[in-house]
Amino acid sequence: MHDPRTGVLLINLGTPDAPRTRPVRRYLREFLSDPLVIDSPAPVRWALLNFVILPFRPRRSAEAYQKIWTDEGSPLRVHGHALRRGLRDALGPAYVVDLAMRYGRPSIRGALERLLAADVARILAVPLFPQFSSAATGSAVACLERELAQAPDLPPHEVLPPCYADPRFVSAWTEVARPALEAFAPDHVLFSYHGLPERQVKASDPSGSHCLQTPGCCAAIGDANRDCYRAQSFATTRAVAAALGLPRDAHGTAFQSRLGRIPWIQPYTDEMLQELVGAGRKRLAILCPTFVADCLETPRRSASAPATTGATSAAKTSSSSPPSTTTPPGSTPWPE
């Protein structure tokens, strides 16, 4: 007999198998077919996917993936496995740590099968999204629950809550950001998070009368916005900025990667950068604490955003820092 072990399942969003058009199209079809990602009625989602997105975006996205792909493969998968190994070594033999992607491979089903084969006594699921959103956290947990329902012999499970202001998450981010900021000496630090449609944020408000109703709706976490992605993002900014000792007038929060004509949560990163440059800020650092190991959009858009402002000085002196918890000692990976 051996002591019962705990299975730890790390869940990230997903990545294509290769930086080529066909694998990217397959990945995007699975990802964007999820009604929690594109929350339009099914016929609208199908038409948007098959007539607007899939005929054109896979080729462009494949070209972007080629710029960040490594010899070991997808950066998201490579750094995800590095995190898995680091966590396994830190936790010790009483734990079995596995990695899964909500979309693509390694799948959640495959990871659960491996944990079952390892005879774990319980499973702790860890969605690798510091702030909650239905499109990322909600979809990952829903997929996990569906898979668990099909395998009734699996042990009890628990889902770790978002860590957006957890002192350990804040400490890890501070450890990575502080030396980068000290070396760069910015005159402003912009915390840039992935965007979401406003309707998804409003849907998280059980009162129906708080989220996005006033300019200060995200100034503190309460019952009405406890699951609000925007409010949790602002809470992350407050916690990390306080730990770094950033003056209130020398940092801000913005959201990037909006798509289409529907309203997305504001302020927008590109517009905020234009305002900062117009106000005379010349050394802009961008921190993106929005995923543990990131997808393609955040590093690509945050790295290119200063150039879109038309201010050469800002474009030349911008800095972007990678997520901290993917970084094992002695390495400096760039997230996907």
Protein backbone atom coordinates (compact mmCIF):
# COMPACT_ATOMS: atom_id res chain seq x y z
CA MET A 1 0.00 0.00 0.00
CA HIS A 2 1.17 3.50 -0.78
CA ASP A 3 -0.03 6.78 0.62
CA PRO A 4 -2.82 8.34 -1.48
CA ARG A 5 -1.60 10.98 -3.89
CA THR A 6 -3.25 14.16 -5.14
CA GLY A 7 -3.53 14.84 -8.85
CA VAL A 8 -2.95 18.42 -9.95
CA LEU A 9 -4.37 19.30 -13.36
CA LEU A 10 -3.06 22.53 -14.91
CA ILE A 11 -5.43 23.82 -17.61
CA ASN A 12 -4.48 26.45 -20.17
CA LEU A 13 -6.35 27.73 -23.20
CA GLY A 14 -4.72 25.92 -26.11
CA THR A 15 -2.43 26.10 -29.10
CA PRO A 16 -2.25 24.66 -32.62
CA ASP A 17 -0.04 21.65 -33.25
CA ALA A 18 2.08 23.47 -35.81
CA PRO A 19 2.48 27.02 -37.17
CA ARG A 20 0.87 26.15 -40.49
CA THR A 21 -2.48 27.09 -41.96
CA ARG A 22 -4.23 23.71 -41.65
CA PRO A 23 -3.38 23.05 -37.95
CA VAL A 24 -4.20 26.65 -37.09
CA ARG A 25 -7.55 26.38 -38.87
CA ARG A 26 -8.34 23.18 -36.95
CA TYR A 27 -7.45 24.86 -33.66
CA LEU A 28 -9.44 28.02 -34.42
CA ARG A 29 -12.48 25.99 -35.43
CA GLU A 30 -12.52 24.19 -32.10
CA PHE A 31 -11.76 27.34 -30.11
CA LEU A 32 -14.19 29.72 -31.78
CA SER A 33 -17.02 27.17 -32.01
CA ASP A 34 -17.32 27.34 -28.23
CA PRO A 35 -20.48 29.33 -27.34
CA LEU A 36 -18.70 30.67 -24.26
CA VAL A 37 -16.07 32.27 -26.51
CA ILE A 38 -18.32 33.65 -29.23
CA ASP A 39 -21.57 34.04 -27.33
CA SER A 40 -23.74 34.89 -30.33
CA PRO A 41 -26.70 32.71 -31.37
CA ALA A 42 -25.55 29.46 -32.98
CA PRO A 43 -26.48 30.39 -36.59
CA VAL A 44 -24.66 33.72 -36.27
CA ARG A 45 -21.61 32.05 -34.73
CA TRP A 46 -21.55 29.42 -37.49
CA ALA A 47 -21.77 32.02 -40.25
CA LEU A 48 -19.14 34.24 -38.65
CA LEU A 49 -16.78 31.32 -38.24
CA ASN A 50 -17.21 29.77 -41.70
CA PHE A 51 -17.61 32.86 -43.86
CA VAL A 52 -15.60 35.54 -42.07
CA ILE A 53 -12.94 33.99 -39.85
CA LEU A 54 -11.82 30.59 -41.14
CA PRO A 55 -11.37 31.53 -44.81
CA PHE A 56 -8.82 34.23 -43.93
CA ARG A 57 -7.53 34.24 -40.36
CA PRO A 58 -5.74 30.84 -40.24
CA ARG A 59 -3.13 31.92 -42.79
CA ARG A 60 -2.47 35.23 -41.05
CA SER A 61 -2.35 33.59 -37.64
CA ALA A 62 -0.01 30.88 -38.92
CA GLU A 63 2.41 33.56 -40.08
CA ALA A 64 2.28 35.15 -36.63
CA TYR A 65 2.81 31.79 -34.90
CA GLN A 66 5.87 31.16 -37.07
CA LYS A 67 7.50 34.25 -35.57
CA ILE A 68 7.27 32.91 -32.01
CA TRP A 69 7.52 29.14 -32.58
CA THR A 70 10.54 27.47 -30.99
CA ASP A 71 12.62 24.40 -31.87
CA GLU A 72 10.80 22.59 -29.05
CA GLY A 73 7.38 23.55 -30.42
CA SER A 74 4.60 25.89 -29.36
CA PRO A 75 5.83 28.30 -26.64
CA LEU A 76 2.55 27.88 -24.76
CA ARG A 77 2.98 24.11 -24.64
CA VAL A 78 6.74 24.29 -23.96
CA HIS A 79 6.37 26.68 -21.04
CA GLY A 80 3.29 24.83 -19.81
CA HIS A 81 5.32 21.64 -19.49
CA ALA A 82 8.14 23.60 -17.83
CA LEU A 83 5.60 24.83 -15.27
CA ARG A 84 4.31 21.28 -14.83
CA ARG A 85 7.82 19.94 -14.17
CA GLY A 86 8.68 22.79 -11.82
CA LEU A 87 5.48 22.33 -9.83
CA ARG A 88 5.98 18.56 -9.71
CA ASP A 89 9.47 19.01 -8.30
CA ALA A 90 8.28 21.62 -5.78
CA LEU A 91 5.33 19.54 -4.52
CA GLY A 92 7.16 16.25 -4.26
CA PRO A 93 6.07 12.61 -4.58
CA ALA A 94 2.70 13.08 -2.86
CA TYR A 95 1.43 14.82 -6.00
CA VAL A 96 1.01 13.90 -9.65
CA VAL A 97 1.02 16.99 -11.90
CA ASP A 98 -0.34 17.00 -15.45
CA LEU A 99 -1.05 19.62 -18.11
CA ALA A 100 -4.09 19.97 -20.35
CA MET A 101 -5.38 22.47 -22.89
CA ARG A 102 -9.01 23.46 -23.19
CA TYR A 103 -8.60 23.39 -26.98
CA GLY A 104 -6.12 21.23 -28.84
CA ARG A 105 -3.55 18.98 -27.20
CA PRO A 106 -2.81 17.72 -24.60
CA SER A 107 -6.54 17.35 -23.99
CA ILE A 108 -8.38 17.47 -20.69
CA ARG A 109 -9.71 13.95 -21.30
CA GLY A 110 -6.21 12.58 -21.87
CA ALA A 111 -4.87 14.27 -18.75
CA LEU A 112 -7.71 12.85 -16.63
CA GLU A 113 -6.99 9.37 -17.99
CA ARG A 114 -3.34 9.72 -17.00
CA LEU A 115 -4.28 10.88 -13.50
CA LEU A 116 -6.68 7.95 -13.17
CA ALA A 117 -3.92 5.56 -14.25
CA ALA A 118 -1.71 7.09 -11.54
CA ASP A 119 -4.37 6.10 -8.96
CA VAL A 120 -4.72 9.55 -7.40
CA ALA A 121 -7.11 9.95 -4.47
CA ARG A 122 -8.36 13.41 -5.50
CA ILE A 123 -7.87 15.93 -8.28
CA LEU A 124 -7.11 19.62 -7.88
CA ALA A 125 -7.84 21.47 -11.14
CA VAL A 126 -5.92 24.71 -11.67
CA PRO A 127 -7.16 26.92 -14.54
CA LEU A 128 -4.13 29.02 -15.51
CA PHE A 129 -6.10 32.27 -15.79
CA PRO A 130 -5.52 34.69 -12.89
CA GLN A 131 -8.75 36.61 -13.61
CA PHE A 132 -12.07 34.82 -14.14
CA SER A 133 -13.87 35.00 -17.47
CA SER A 134 -16.60 32.76 -18.82
CA ALA A 135 -14.69 32.51 -22.12
CA ALA A 136 -11.54 31.07 -20.50
CA THR A 137 -12.06 29.88 -16.91
CA GLY A 138 -15.74 29.12 -17.36
CA SER A 139 -15.21 27.13 -20.54
CA ALA A 140 -12.29 25.16 -19.07
CA VAL A 141 -14.28 24.24 -15.96
CA ALA A 142 -17.36 23.32 -18.02
CA CYS A 143 -15.26 21.01 -20.20
CA LEU A 144 -13.68 19.45 -17.12
CA GLU A 145 -17.10 18.81 -15.59
CA ARG A 146 -18.35 17.18 -18.81
CA GLU A 147 -15.37 14.85 -18.91
CA LEU A 148 -15.71 13.99 -15.23
CA ALA A 149 -19.41 13.19 -15.71
CA GLN A 150 -18.46 10.59 -18.33
CA ALA A 151 -16.04 8.86 -15.96
CA PRO A 152 -17.89 8.28 -12.68
CA ASP A 153 -15.02 6.24 -11.21
CA LEU A 154 -12.79 9.30 -11.05
CA PRO A 155 -11.93 10.56 -7.54
CA PRO A 156 -13.35 13.75 -5.97
CA HIS A 157 -12.16 16.98 -7.49
CA GLU A 158 -11.80 20.64 -6.60
CA VAL A 159 -11.22 23.70 -8.83
CA LEU A 160 -8.78 26.31 -7.60
CA PRO A 161 -10.33 29.82 -7.68
CA PRO A 162 -8.81 32.76 -9.61
CA CYS A 163 -5.58 34.08 -8.08
CA TYR A 164 -5.82 37.67 -9.39
CA ALA A 165 -4.83 39.22 -6.03
CA ASP A 166 -3.41 36.21 -4.20
CA PRO A 167 -0.26 37.38 -2.36
CA ARG A 168 1.75 34.52 -3.89
CA PHE A 169 0.72 35.47 -7.42
CA VAL A 170 1.47 39.12 -6.71
CA SER A 171 4.85 38.21 -5.22
CA ALA A 172 5.77 36.09 -8.25
CA TRP A 173 4.85 38.88 -10.64
CA THR A 174 6.70 41.44 -8.57
CA GLU A 175 9.82 39.26 -8.57
CA VAL A 176 9.85 39.21 -12.37
CA ALA A 177 8.74 42.79 -13.00
CA ARG A 178 10.91 44.66 -10.49
CA PRO A 179 14.34 44.03 -12.07
CA ALA A 180 12.96 44.71 -15.55
CA LEU A 181 11.45 48.01 -14.44
CA GLU A 182 14.56 49.03 -12.52
CA ALA A 183 16.71 48.39 -15.59
CA PHE A 184 14.34 50.18 -17.95
CA ALA A 185 13.38 53.11 -15.68
CA PRO A 186 9.98 53.87 -17.28
CA ASP A 187 8.08 57.07 -16.67
CA HIS A 188 4.80 55.13 -16.89
CA VAL A 189 3.81 51.48 -16.44
CA LEU A 190 0.72 50.27 -18.29
CA PHE A 191 -0.94 47.04 -17.14
CA SER A 192 -2.52 45.63 -20.30
CA TYR A 193 -5.05 42.80 -20.12
CA HIS A 194 -6.80 40.82 -22.81
CA GLY A 195 -10.14 42.39 -23.71
CA LEU A 196 -13.66 41.01 -23.41
CA PRO A 197 -16.97 42.15 -24.89
CA GLU A 198 -18.87 44.36 -22.46
CA ARG A 199 -21.87 42.03 -22.55
CA GLN A 200 -19.79 39.19 -21.07
CA VAL A 201 -18.71 41.40 -18.16
CA LYS A 202 -22.29 42.56 -17.55
CA ALA A 203 -23.47 38.95 -17.58
CA SER A 204 -21.21 38.22 -14.60
CA ASP A 205 -23.06 40.76 -12.43
CA PRO A 206 -25.79 38.92 -10.44
CA SER A 207 -27.40 42.22 -9.46
CA GLY A 208 -27.65 43.41 -13.05
CA SER A 209 -27.10 46.96 -11.85
CA HIS A 210 -23.42 47.34 -10.97
CA CYS A 211 -20.95 46.33 -13.69
CA LEU A 212 -20.12 49.19 -16.10
CA GLN A 213 -22.86 51.36 -14.59
CA THR A 214 -20.46 53.90 -13.04
CA PRO A 215 -16.85 54.93 -13.76
CA GLY A 216 -15.75 53.52 -10.40
CA CYS A 217 -17.54 50.18 -10.61
CA CYS A 218 -14.23 48.28 -10.49
CA ALA A 219 -12.62 50.26 -7.67
CA ALA A 220 -13.22 47.42 -5.19
CA ILE A 221 -14.40 43.80 -5.26
CA GLY A 222 -17.87 43.17 -3.82
CA ASP A 223 -20.78 40.78 -4.19
CA ALA A 224 -21.92 42.29 -7.49
CA ASN A 225 -18.54 42.10 -9.25
CA ARG A 226 -16.80 39.20 -7.51
CA ASP A 227 -16.75 37.29 -10.84
CA CYS A 228 -16.14 40.34 -13.03
CA TYR A 229 -13.06 40.00 -15.23
CA ARG A 230 -12.60 43.77 -15.48
CA ALA A 231 -12.85 44.27 -11.72
CA GLN A 232 -10.40 41.45 -11.06
CA SER A 233 -7.98 42.94 -13.61
CA PHE A 234 -8.05 46.29 -11.83
CA ALA A 235 -7.52 44.43 -8.54
CA THR A 236 -4.42 42.77 -10.00
CA THR A 237 -3.10 46.16 -11.06
CA ARG A 238 -3.68 47.62 -7.60
CA ALA A 239 -1.96 44.70 -5.87
CA VAL A 240 1.08 44.49 -8.16
CA ALA A 241 1.50 48.27 -8.36
CA ALA A 242 1.42 48.50 -4.56
CA ALA A 243 3.98 45.72 -4.23
CA LEU A 244 6.23 47.48 -6.74
CA GLY A 245 5.75 50.85 -5.06
CA LEU A 246 4.50 52.50 -8.25
CA PRO A 247 3.08 56.02 -7.78
CA ARG A 248 -0.62 56.30 -8.55
CA ASP A 249 -0.03 58.76 -11.41
CA ALA A 250 2.71 56.58 -12.96
CA HIS A 251 0.70 53.47 -13.80
CA GLY A 252 -2.62 52.56 -15.39
CA THR A 253 -4.82 49.73 -16.64
CA ALA A 254 -6.05 49.06 -20.18
CA PHE A 255 -7.45 46.25 -22.34
CA GLN A 256 -6.32 45.03 -25.76
CA SER A 257 -7.31 42.66 -28.57
CA ARG A 258 -10.86 43.87 -29.22
CA LEU A 259 -12.59 42.45 -32.29
CA GLY A 260 -15.52 43.61 -34.38
CA ARG A 261 -17.90 46.51 -33.83
CA ILE A 262 -19.47 45.49 -30.54
CA PRO A 263 -18.34 47.43 -27.43
CA TRP A 264 -15.43 45.88 -25.51
CA ILE A 265 -14.29 46.76 -22.01
CA GLN A 266 -12.30 49.98 -21.75
CA PRO A 267 -9.98 51.79 -21.64
CA TYR A 268 -8.35 50.43 -24.80
CA THR A 269 -4.60 49.86 -24.76
CA ASP A 270 -3.89 51.50 -28.11
CA GLU A 271 -5.87 54.63 -27.20
CA MET A 272 -4.30 54.79 -23.74
CA LEU A 273 -0.84 54.67 -25.30
CA GLN A 274 -1.71 57.54 -27.61
CA GLU A 275 -2.89 59.58 -24.63
CA LEU A 276 0.27 58.83 -22.67
CA VAL A 277 2.53 59.80 -25.54
CA GLY A 278 0.49 62.94 -26.10
CA ALA A 279 1.00 63.78 -22.42
CA GLY A 280 4.75 63.60 -22.87
CA ARG A 281 5.45 60.12 -21.51
CA LYS A 282 8.42 58.74 -23.43
CA ARG A 283 9.44 55.55 -21.61
CA LEU A 284 6.47 53.20 -21.42
CA ALA A 285 6.66 49.76 -19.80
CA ILE A 286 3.84 47.29 -20.50
CA LEU A 287 3.04 44.48 -18.06
CA CYS A 288 0.53 41.79 -19.06
CA PRO A 289 -0.49 39.73 -15.99
CA THR A 290 -3.51 38.22 -17.70
CA PHE A 291 -2.49 34.56 -18.20
CA VAL A 292 0.04 32.35 -16.42
CA ALA A 293 1.48 31.30 -19.77
CA ASP A 294 0.09 33.44 -22.52
CA CYS A 295 -1.51 32.96 -25.93
CA LEU A 296 -0.42 34.57 -29.19
CA GLU A 297 -2.48 37.75 -28.99
CA THR A 298 -1.17 39.38 -25.82
CA PRO A 299 2.59 39.43 -26.50
CA ARG A 300 2.09 40.20 -30.18
CA ARG A 301 -0.33 43.07 -29.58
CA SER A 302 1.44 44.48 -26.54
CA ALA A 303 4.78 44.46 -28.33
CA SER A 304 3.38 46.17 -31.41
CA ALA A 305 0.95 48.57 -29.74
CA PRO A 306 3.44 51.39 -29.08
CA ALA A 307 4.35 51.51 -32.76
CA THR A 308 0.72 52.18 -33.63
CA THR A 309 0.78 55.42 -31.67
CA GLY A 310 2.98 57.08 -34.27
CA ALA A 311 5.45 58.13 -31.57
CA THR A 312 8.92 56.88 -32.40
CA SER A 313 10.28 57.58 -28.94
CA ALA A 314 7.57 55.47 -27.29
CA ALA A 315 8.02 52.64 -29.78
CA LYS A 316 11.75 52.52 -29.20
CA THR A 317 11.64 52.60 -25.44
CA SER A 318 8.71 50.34 -24.61
CA SER A 319 9.26 47.26 -22.51
CA SER A 320 7.11 44.19 -22.00
CA SER A 321 7.54 41.61 -19.25
CA PRO A 322 6.54 37.92 -19.50
CA PRO A 323 4.23 36.14 -17.06
CA SER A 324 6.18 35.22 -13.95
CA THR A 325 4.95 31.81 -12.95
CA THR A 326 6.08 30.16 -16.20
CA THR A 327 9.66 31.17 -15.51
CA PRO A 328 11.76 28.50 -13.82
CA PRO A 329 14.95 29.68 -12.09
CA GLY A 330 17.67 30.61 -14.53
CA SER A 331 15.44 30.98 -17.59
CA THR A 332 13.64 33.85 -19.30
CA PRO A 333 10.99 32.42 -21.66
CA TRP A 334 8.74 34.57 -23.84
CA PRO A 335 5.13 33.42 -23.66
CA GLU A 336 3.04 32.43 -26.65
